Amino acid sequence: MLTINFIRCIIYLDRKEIRGMVNMFRIRAILYDVARGLKSDPVILEKIIKRLSKHGYNMLILNLKYRFKFPSNPEIGLPDSLTPEDVKHLDRISKEAGIELVPFMNCVGHCSGIGMLEKCRHLTADPSGLNDGIEQLRVSEPDAMNLITDLYNDICKCIFWESSAFC
């Protein structure tokens, strides 16, 4: 079920004055956050892609956070997370609809879903997990940089970009 805020967003897209303004910009995008109560359901995301295309949008920034099943680190990602196959499918659907799918991952900061894992806690600014430092990876730590590289490589294998956009 979609949240009220997302439904308001789609209704807002339907307003005539917004539809006219959308075409004024070269990049016409929205950010969809699969980790804030919204769904990482590929069926819902496919509907969103088609709806955005209908309204003249050409980019969907998909805020994955830790809602992706990273092959290199399968312990990251909740049970309902998107799989690499889901993202490849969404990328294909996006291209057909004239939408560029841009992955947005939290890799260094705002990654509490990663930092709270026992395997990764020692890579954070607060390995005790007692304060907000659990959300930041220490980039001075070689293992943290290796983790970040692995996560980006997993995503890069799923999406083809014409403009090499990545958040």
Foldseek 3Di string as FASTA:
>chain_A
DADPVVVVVLVVLPDPVNLVVQVVDPAREDEDECPPPGHQDLVVLLVVLLSCLVSPHQEYEYEQAQLECQPVCNVGHDPRGHYLVSLLVSQVSNVVSNHAYAYEYQQFAQRLSQLVDLVNVVQFPHSVPPDRSSGGGDPVDVVSVVVSVSRVVSNVVRHDDPVPHYD
